[in-house]
């Protein structure tokens, strides 16, 4: 199992920082869905700069933010104070979550749990099941094997994992890539509510990038 490595959030500034402070489109769907199910205890797993931790806190959830990066948690705390919301923040490794069993009704982990190898992925999934209550849901994204970076000549860890090698906050971080059949196998101990693949387009000042991610909604049965 590869060692976990945090994003270098000190490299995320200016327009790039503003991008990571803006909630993504599916978060609004999840707020409505989970409020409708009377879910309250929410975990933003791999919270980054806290955009969804703060968003869910504002919506009335008891929100917890978790990240491997101390800089991430420090900045999330600063933004939460400015937004005048109470959040619980912890630094740690997603391979061993610092929460008791059955702590959460709902978990959101966007572009996070892919930062490991295949053995690490299975360990993280077992941790998700441990901290989720029965009937609890988790919405997560996984890097797709159709993504451009899976084709790059980067160091190989196993058949599903490469180490990203490029300038930027993700340099040196492992990336796990999945296909539909692998997703079904990974989450066979959950009820799979939805699986769909999305091609994301990002335009940063005319620099347009595109990538593929799987979006998966699971329920602890």
Protein backbone atom coordinates (compact mmCIF):
# COMPACT_ATOMS: atom_id res chain seq x y z
CA UNK A 1 0.00 0.00 0.00
CA UNK A 2 1.44 3.40 -0.97
CA UNK A 3 1.90 6.14 1.60
CA UNK A 4 -0.71 8.89 1.57
CA UNK A 5 0.42 12.31 0.38
CA UNK A 6 -1.48 15.57 0.79
CA UNK A 7 -2.15 18.18 -1.85
CA UNK A 8 0.18 21.16 -1.68
CA UNK A 9 -2.51 23.75 -0.97
CA UNK A 10 0.12 26.49 -0.68
CA UNK A 11 0.26 26.38 -4.49
CA UNK A 12 -3.49 27.08 -4.78
CA UNK A 13 -3.92 30.84 -4.94
CA UNK A 14 -5.72 33.58 -6.88
CA UNK A 15 -8.19 32.37 -9.51
CA UNK A 16 -7.26 28.77 -8.73
CA UNK A 17 -8.21 29.32 -5.09
CA UNK A 18 -11.55 30.86 -6.05
CA UNK A 19 -12.31 27.75 -8.13
CA UNK A 20 -11.76 25.52 -5.08
CA UNK A 21 -14.03 27.71 -2.93
CA UNK A 22 -17.05 27.34 -5.24
CA UNK A 23 -19.37 24.37 -4.51
CA UNK A 24 -19.93 21.98 -7.40
CA UNK A 25 -23.27 21.30 -9.03
CA UNK A 26 -24.13 17.95 -7.44
CA UNK A 27 -23.69 19.34 -3.92
CA UNK A 28 -27.01 21.19 -4.24
CA UNK A 29 -28.75 17.96 -5.24
CA UNK A 30 -27.22 16.16 -2.26
CA UNK A 31 -28.31 18.85 0.20
CA UNK A 32 -31.91 18.51 -0.97
CA UNK A 33 -31.76 14.72 -1.06
CA UNK A 34 -30.24 14.31 2.38
CA UNK A 35 -32.38 16.95 4.07
CA UNK A 36 -35.38 15.12 2.62
CA UNK A 37 -34.09 11.93 4.26
CA UNK A 38 -33.63 13.75 7.61
CA UNK A 39 -29.88 13.25 7.51
CA UNK A 40 -27.90 15.65 9.69
CA UNK A 41 -24.40 14.39 10.52
CA UNK A 42 -22.29 15.15 7.45
CA UNK A 43 -18.63 14.40 6.65
CA UNK A 44 -16.73 16.21 3.92
CA UNK A 45 -13.98 13.64 3.36
CA UNK A 46 -10.97 15.38 1.83
CA UNK A 47 -12.45 18.81 2.35
CA UNK A 48 -9.74 20.86 0.60
CA UNK A 49 -10.53 24.51 1.24
CA UNK A 50 -13.83 23.61 2.87
CA UNK A 51 -16.25 24.69 0.15
CA UNK A 52 -18.67 21.84 0.87
CA UNK A 53 -18.04 21.68 4.62
CA UNK A 54 -19.17 25.30 4.85
CA UNK A 55 -21.97 24.89 2.31
CA UNK A 56 -23.53 21.98 4.23
CA UNK A 57 -23.09 23.77 7.56
CA UNK A 58 -24.99 26.75 6.15
CA UNK A 59 -27.75 24.36 5.04
CA UNK A 60 -28.24 23.15 8.62
CA UNK A 61 -26.10 20.00 8.72
CA UNK A 62 -23.75 19.21 11.59
CA UNK A 63 -20.73 19.41 9.30
CA UNK A 64 -17.30 17.83 9.75
CA UNK A 65 -14.34 18.48 7.47
CA UNK A 66 -11.41 16.11 7.20
CA UNK A 67 -8.17 16.32 5.22
CA UNK A 68 -4.61 15.05 5.23
CA UNK A 69 -3.29 18.59 4.72
CA UNK A 70 -2.84 20.81 7.77
CA UNK A 71 -2.86 23.84 5.44
CA UNK A 72 -6.23 22.72 4.11
CA UNK A 73 -7.76 22.46 7.57
CA UNK A 74 -6.24 25.77 8.71
CA UNK A 75 -7.68 27.63 5.70
CA UNK A 76 -11.04 25.88 6.01
CA UNK A 77 -11.23 27.05 9.62
CA UNK A 78 -10.49 30.62 8.57
CA UNK A 79 -13.17 30.57 5.87
CA UNK A 80 -15.70 28.99 8.25
CA UNK A 81 -15.14 31.75 10.81
CA UNK A 82 -15.65 34.37 8.11
CA UNK A 83 -18.86 32.61 7.08
CA UNK A 84 -19.94 32.48 10.75
CA UNK A 85 -20.62 28.74 10.75
CA UNK A 86 -19.56 26.07 13.24
CA UNK A 87 -17.72 23.08 11.78
CA UNK A 88 -15.67 20.24 13.24
CA UNK A 89 -12.28 19.94 11.51
CA UNK A 90 -9.70 17.18 11.75
CA UNK A 91 -6.35 16.41 10.11
CA UNK A 92 -5.66 12.75 9.37
CA UNK A 93 -5.25 9.92 6.88
CA UNK A 94 -8.35 8.55 5.14
CA UNK A 95 -6.88 5.05 5.53
CA UNK A 96 -7.71 5.32 9.24
CA UNK A 97 -10.49 7.80 9.92
CA UNK A 98 -10.47 9.36 13.42
CA UNK A 99 -14.20 8.85 13.96
CA UNK A 100 -16.21 6.34 15.94
CA UNK A 101 -18.28 3.67 14.25
CA UNK A 102 -21.66 4.85 12.93
CA UNK A 103 -20.77 8.55 13.22
CA UNK A 104 -22.36 9.92 10.04
CA UNK A 105 -25.61 9.91 8.11
CA UNK A 106 -23.96 11.15 4.92
CA UNK A 107 -20.47 11.46 3.46
CA UNK A 108 -19.29 13.43 0.45
CA UNK A 109 -15.87 12.75 -1.05
CA UNK A 110 -15.25 14.42 -4.37
CA UNK A 111 -12.02 13.63 -6.23
CA UNK A 112 -10.44 12.43 -2.99
CA UNK A 113 -10.37 8.68 -2.38
CA UNK A 114 -8.66 8.13 -5.75
CA UNK A 115 -5.45 9.41 -4.12
CA UNK A 116 -4.26 5.93 -3.20
CA UNK A 117 -3.60 2.55 -4.80
CA UNK A 118 -5.87 -0.50 -5.11
CA UNK A 119 -5.06 -1.86 -1.65
CA UNK A 120 -5.57 1.59 -0.15
CA UNK A 121 -8.88 1.97 -1.98
CA UNK A 122 -10.25 -1.19 -0.39
CA UNK A 123 -9.10 0.00 3.03
CA UNK A 124 -10.77 3.41 2.58
CA UNK A 125 -14.01 1.76 1.49
CA UNK A 126 -13.98 -0.37 4.65
CA UNK A 127 -13.50 2.83 6.68
CA UNK A 128 -16.44 4.45 4.90
CA UNK A 129 -18.66 1.54 5.82
CA UNK A 130 -17.46 1.68 9.42
CA UNK A 131 -18.25 5.37 9.99
CA UNK A 132 -21.56 5.35 8.07
CA UNK A 133 -24.74 4.48 9.91
CA UNK A 134 -27.13 1.90 8.52
CA UNK A 135 -29.09 3.62 5.79
CA UNK A 136 -26.38 6.28 5.51
CA UNK A 137 -25.27 7.38 2.05
CA UNK A 138 -21.97 8.35 0.50
CA UNK A 139 -21.50 10.26 -2.75
CA UNK A 140 -18.01 9.90 -4.18
CA UNK A 141 -16.09 10.35 -7.39
CA UNK A 142 -13.37 8.17 -8.85
CA UNK A 143 -10.90 8.86 -11.62
CA UNK A 144 -11.90 7.00 -14.80
CA UNK A 145 -9.59 4.86 -16.90
CA UNK A 146 -10.80 6.99 -19.83
CA UNK A 147 -9.12 10.04 -18.29
CA UNK A 148 -6.17 11.46 -20.22
CA UNK A 149 -3.78 11.02 -17.30
CA UNK A 150 -4.27 7.23 -17.19
CA UNK A 151 -2.56 7.18 -20.59
CA UNK A 152 0.47 9.15 -19.39
CA UNK A 153 3.88 7.55 -19.00
CA UNK A 154 3.92 8.00 -15.24
CA UNK A 155 5.29 5.58 -12.60
CA UNK A 156 3.02 2.55 -12.23
CA UNK A 157 2.07 1.28 -8.77
CA UNK A 158 -0.38 -1.44 -9.81
CA UNK A 159 -2.76 -2.15 -12.70
CA UNK A 160 -5.11 0.64 -11.53
CA UNK A 161 -2.69 3.20 -10.07
CA UNK A 162 -0.08 5.69 -11.27
CA UNK A 163 1.95 8.38 -9.51
CA UNK A 164 1.18 11.79 -10.98
CA UNK A 165 4.30 13.60 -12.21
CA UNK A 166 3.77 17.24 -13.19
CA UNK A 167 4.05 20.74 -11.78
CA UNK A 168 1.25 21.69 -9.44
CA UNK A 169 -0.37 20.70 -6.15
CA UNK A 170 -0.82 17.02 -7.12
CA UNK A 171 2.79 16.25 -8.06
CA UNK A 172 3.90 12.93 -6.58
CA UNK A 173 0.39 11.93 -5.46
CA UNK A 174 -0.89 8.45 -6.36
CA UNK A 175 -4.01 8.28 -8.53
CA UNK A 176 -6.30 5.27 -8.69
CA UNK A 177 -8.38 4.74 -11.86
CA UNK A 178 -11.52 2.65 -12.20
CA UNK A 179 -13.91 1.23 -14.77
CA UNK A 180 -17.53 0.16 -14.37
CA UNK A 181 -16.79 -3.47 -13.46
CA UNK A 182 -14.16 -2.51 -10.91
CA UNK A 183 -16.58 -0.08 -9.24
CA UNK A 184 -19.20 -2.82 -8.91
CA UNK A 185 -16.62 -5.07 -7.27
CA UNK A 186 -15.29 -2.39 -4.90
CA UNK A 187 -18.74 -1.51 -3.57
CA UNK A 188 -20.31 -4.95 -3.53
CA UNK A 189 -20.93 -4.65 0.23
CA UNK A 190 -23.08 -1.53 -0.29
CA UNK A 191 -26.31 -0.87 -2.12
CA UNK A 192 -25.25 1.00 -5.25
CA UNK A 193 -27.86 3.69 -5.91
CA UNK A 194 -26.25 5.38 -8.93
CA UNK A 195 -23.16 5.02 -11.14
CA UNK A 196 -22.52 7.42 -14.00
CA UNK A 197 -19.53 8.86 -15.80
CA UNK A 198 -18.99 12.60 -16.32
CA UNK A 199 -16.61 14.45 -18.58
CA UNK A 200 -15.57 17.64 -16.81
CA UNK A 201 -14.52 20.76 -18.70
CA UNK A 202 -12.61 23.42 -16.79
CA UNK A 203 -11.74 26.81 -18.24
CA UNK A 204 -9.13 28.74 -16.29
CA UNK A 205 -8.39 31.94 -18.16
CA UNK A 206 -8.61 30.29 -21.54
CA UNK A 207 -6.68 27.20 -20.45
CA UNK A 208 -9.29 24.49 -21.06
CA UNK A 209 -8.86 21.01 -19.63
CA UNK A 210 -11.11 17.96 -19.71
CA UNK A 211 -11.21 14.74 -17.74
CA UNK A 212 -13.47 11.82 -16.92
CA UNK A 213 -14.71 10.83 -13.46
CA UNK A 214 -17.12 8.22 -12.21
CA UNK A 215 -19.81 9.51 -9.86
CA UNK A 216 -21.10 6.89 -7.43
CA UNK A 217 -23.87 7.09 -4.82
CA UNK A 218 -23.87 4.22 -2.32
CA UNK A 219 -25.95 3.30 0.70
CA UNK A 220 -24.85 1.35 3.78
CA UNK A 221 -27.24 -1.60 3.69
